[in-house]
N, C-alpha and C. Protein backbone atom coordinates (compact mmCIF):
# COMPACT_ATOMS: atom_id res chain seq x y z
N MET A 1 -222.48 -61.55 141.17
CA MET A 1 -221.12 -61.29 140.76
C MET A 1 -220.97 -61.71 139.30
N LEU A 2 -220.23 -60.91 138.54
CA LEU A 2 -220.06 -61.19 137.12
C LEU A 2 -218.93 -62.18 136.89
N HIS A 3 -219.14 -63.03 135.94
CA HIS A 3 -218.09 -63.93 135.48
C HIS A 3 -217.06 -63.08 134.74
N SER A 4 -215.81 -63.49 134.73
CA SER A 4 -214.75 -62.68 134.11
C SER A 4 -215.04 -62.40 132.64
N GLU A 5 -215.63 -63.35 131.94
CA GLU A 5 -215.97 -63.14 130.53
C GLU A 5 -217.07 -62.08 130.39
N GLN A 6 -218.07 -62.13 131.27
CA GLN A 6 -219.12 -61.11 131.25
C GLN A 6 -218.52 -59.73 131.51
N ARG A 7 -217.66 -59.66 132.49
CA ARG A 7 -217.03 -58.38 132.84
C ARG A 7 -216.26 -57.82 131.64
N ARG A 8 -215.52 -58.68 130.94
CA ARG A 8 -214.76 -58.24 129.77
C ARG A 8 -215.70 -57.70 128.69
N ILE A 9 -216.80 -58.41 128.47
CA ILE A 9 -217.76 -57.98 127.44
C ILE A 9 -218.35 -56.63 127.81
N TYR A 10 -218.81 -56.47 129.05
CA TYR A 10 -219.41 -55.20 129.48
C TYR A 10 -218.42 -54.05 129.42
N GLN A 11 -217.17 -54.31 129.77
CA GLN A 11 -216.17 -53.26 129.74
C GLN A 11 -215.88 -52.79 128.32
N ASN A 12 -216.10 -53.67 127.34
CA ASN A 12 -215.83 -53.31 125.96
C ASN A 12 -217.03 -52.70 125.23
N LEU A 13 -218.15 -52.60 125.91
CA LEU A 13 -219.32 -51.97 125.30
C LEU A 13 -219.11 -50.46 125.20
N THR A 14 -219.65 -49.89 124.14
CA THR A 14 -219.61 -48.43 124.02
C THR A 14 -220.66 -47.83 124.95
N PRO A 15 -220.53 -46.55 125.28
CA PRO A 15 -221.57 -45.91 126.09
C PRO A 15 -222.96 -46.04 125.45
N GLU A 16 -223.03 -45.94 124.14
CA GLU A 16 -224.32 -46.08 123.45
C GLU A 16 -224.91 -47.47 123.65
N GLN A 17 -224.08 -48.50 123.57
CA GLN A 17 -224.55 -49.86 123.78
C GLN A 17 -225.04 -50.05 125.22
N LYS A 18 -224.30 -49.51 126.16
CA LYS A 18 -224.70 -49.61 127.57
C LYS A 18 -226.03 -48.90 127.81
N LEU A 19 -226.22 -47.75 127.17
CA LEU A 19 -227.47 -47.02 127.30
C LEU A 19 -228.63 -47.83 126.72
N ARG A 20 -228.42 -48.45 125.55
CA ARG A 20 -229.47 -49.27 124.94
C ARG A 20 -229.86 -50.44 125.84
N ILE A 21 -228.86 -51.05 126.48
CA ILE A 21 -229.14 -52.16 127.40
C ILE A 21 -229.95 -51.65 128.58
N ALA A 22 -229.54 -50.51 129.15
CA ALA A 22 -230.25 -49.94 130.30
C ALA A 22 -231.69 -49.59 129.93
N GLU A 23 -231.88 -49.01 128.75
CA GLU A 23 -233.23 -48.66 128.31
C GLU A 23 -234.09 -49.92 128.15
N GLY A 24 -233.50 -50.97 127.61
CA GLY A 24 -234.23 -52.23 127.46
C GLY A 24 -234.63 -52.82 128.80
N LEU A 25 -233.72 -52.78 129.76
CA LEU A 25 -234.03 -53.28 131.10
C LEU A 25 -235.16 -52.48 131.73
N TYR A 26 -235.12 -51.17 131.55
CA TYR A 26 -236.17 -50.30 132.10
C TYR A 26 -237.52 -50.62 131.46
N ARG A 27 -237.51 -50.76 130.14
CA ARG A 27 -238.75 -51.06 129.41
C ARG A 27 -239.32 -52.41 129.87
N HIS A 28 -238.46 -53.40 130.01
CA HIS A 28 -238.93 -54.72 130.46
C HIS A 28 -239.45 -54.68 131.89
N ALA A 29 -238.82 -53.88 132.73
CA ALA A 29 -239.30 -53.74 134.11
C ALA A 29 -240.71 -53.16 134.12
N ARG A 30 -240.95 -52.17 133.28
CA ARG A 30 -242.29 -51.58 133.20
C ARG A 30 -243.30 -52.58 132.66
N GLU A 31 -242.90 -53.38 131.67
CA GLU A 31 -243.80 -54.40 131.13
C GLU A 31 -244.14 -55.45 132.19
N LEU A 32 -243.15 -55.86 132.96
CA LEU A 32 -243.39 -56.83 134.03
C LEU A 32 -244.32 -56.27 135.10
N LYS A 33 -244.11 -55.00 135.45
CA LYS A 33 -244.98 -54.38 136.46
C LYS A 33 -246.40 -54.30 135.94
N ALA A 34 -246.57 -53.94 134.66
CA ALA A 34 -247.91 -53.87 134.08
C ALA A 34 -248.57 -55.25 134.12
N ALA A 35 -247.83 -56.29 133.79
CA ALA A 35 -248.38 -57.65 133.84
C ALA A 35 -248.75 -58.01 135.28
N GLY A 36 -247.94 -57.58 136.22
CA GLY A 36 -248.23 -57.85 137.63
C GLY A 36 -249.47 -57.13 138.12
N LEU A 37 -249.80 -56.02 137.51
CA LEU A 37 -251.03 -55.30 137.88
C LEU A 37 -252.26 -55.89 137.18
N ARG A 38 -252.06 -56.39 135.96
CA ARG A 38 -253.19 -56.96 135.23
C ARG A 38 -253.73 -58.21 135.91
N ALA A 39 -252.84 -59.01 136.47
CA ALA A 39 -253.26 -60.29 137.06
C ALA A 39 -254.32 -60.10 138.16
N PRO A 40 -254.08 -59.25 139.15
CA PRO A 40 -255.10 -59.09 140.19
C PRO A 40 -256.22 -58.13 139.81
N HIS A 41 -256.04 -57.40 138.71
CA HIS A 41 -257.04 -56.40 138.29
C HIS A 41 -257.41 -56.61 136.82
N PRO A 42 -257.98 -57.75 136.47
CA PRO A 42 -258.26 -58.04 135.06
C PRO A 42 -259.28 -57.09 134.42
N ASN A 43 -260.06 -56.39 135.22
CA ASN A 43 -261.08 -55.50 134.65
C ASN A 43 -260.59 -54.07 134.46
N TRP A 44 -259.38 -53.78 134.92
CA TRP A 44 -258.86 -52.42 134.73
C TRP A 44 -258.59 -52.17 133.25
N PRO A 45 -258.98 -51.00 132.75
CA PRO A 45 -258.64 -50.66 131.37
C PRO A 45 -257.13 -50.42 131.24
N GLU A 46 -256.62 -50.56 130.03
CA GLU A 46 -255.18 -50.41 129.80
C GLU A 46 -254.67 -49.05 130.25
N GLY A 47 -255.47 -48.02 130.06
CA GLY A 47 -255.05 -46.68 130.50
C GLY A 47 -254.78 -46.62 131.99
N LYS A 48 -255.63 -47.28 132.77
CA LYS A 48 -255.43 -47.30 134.22
C LYS A 48 -254.17 -48.08 134.57
N ILE A 49 -253.94 -49.19 133.90
CA ILE A 49 -252.73 -49.99 134.14
C ILE A 49 -251.50 -49.12 133.89
N GLN A 50 -251.48 -48.45 132.75
CA GLN A 50 -250.31 -47.63 132.41
C GLN A 50 -250.13 -46.46 133.37
N GLU A 51 -251.22 -45.88 133.82
CA GLU A 51 -251.13 -44.78 134.79
C GLU A 51 -250.56 -45.28 136.12
N GLU A 52 -250.99 -46.45 136.55
CA GLU A 52 -250.46 -47.02 137.80
C GLU A 52 -248.98 -47.35 137.66
N VAL A 53 -248.59 -47.90 136.51
CA VAL A 53 -247.17 -48.18 136.26
C VAL A 53 -246.37 -46.89 136.31
N ARG A 54 -246.90 -45.84 135.69
CA ARG A 54 -246.21 -44.55 135.70
C ARG A 54 -246.01 -44.06 137.13
N LYS A 55 -247.07 -44.13 137.93
CA LYS A 55 -246.98 -43.67 139.33
C LYS A 55 -245.97 -44.51 140.12
N ILE A 56 -246.03 -45.82 139.93
CA ILE A 56 -245.13 -46.71 140.66
C ILE A 56 -243.67 -46.36 140.35
N PHE A 57 -243.37 -46.18 139.08
CA PHE A 57 -241.98 -45.87 138.72
C PHE A 57 -241.61 -44.44 139.09
N LEU A 58 -242.56 -43.55 139.03
CA LEU A 58 -242.29 -42.16 139.41
C LEU A 58 -241.91 -42.05 140.87
N TYR A 59 -242.64 -42.78 141.72
CA TYR A 59 -242.40 -42.70 143.16
C TYR A 59 -241.59 -43.88 143.69
N ALA A 60 -241.09 -44.73 142.77
CA ALA A 60 -240.21 -45.86 143.10
C ALA A 60 -240.75 -46.71 144.23
N ARG A 61 -242.03 -47.06 144.13
CA ARG A 61 -242.60 -47.96 145.12
C ARG A 61 -242.87 -49.30 144.46
N THR A 62 -243.02 -50.32 145.24
CA THR A 62 -243.24 -51.65 144.67
C THR A 62 -244.62 -52.16 145.00
């Protein structure tokens, strides 16, 4: 639940600002998923990591 001050701030954001925040959250989610894949698969090349991240987000699986 949002604090009243947070709610006021979010309500006053422009659509462009809200989009930038959403894009940042999405980018960070992908970075976290990539890090989560690297830990158990340290020998995977970066291309494979990124392909797996793409598939995971494409099919919305965890």
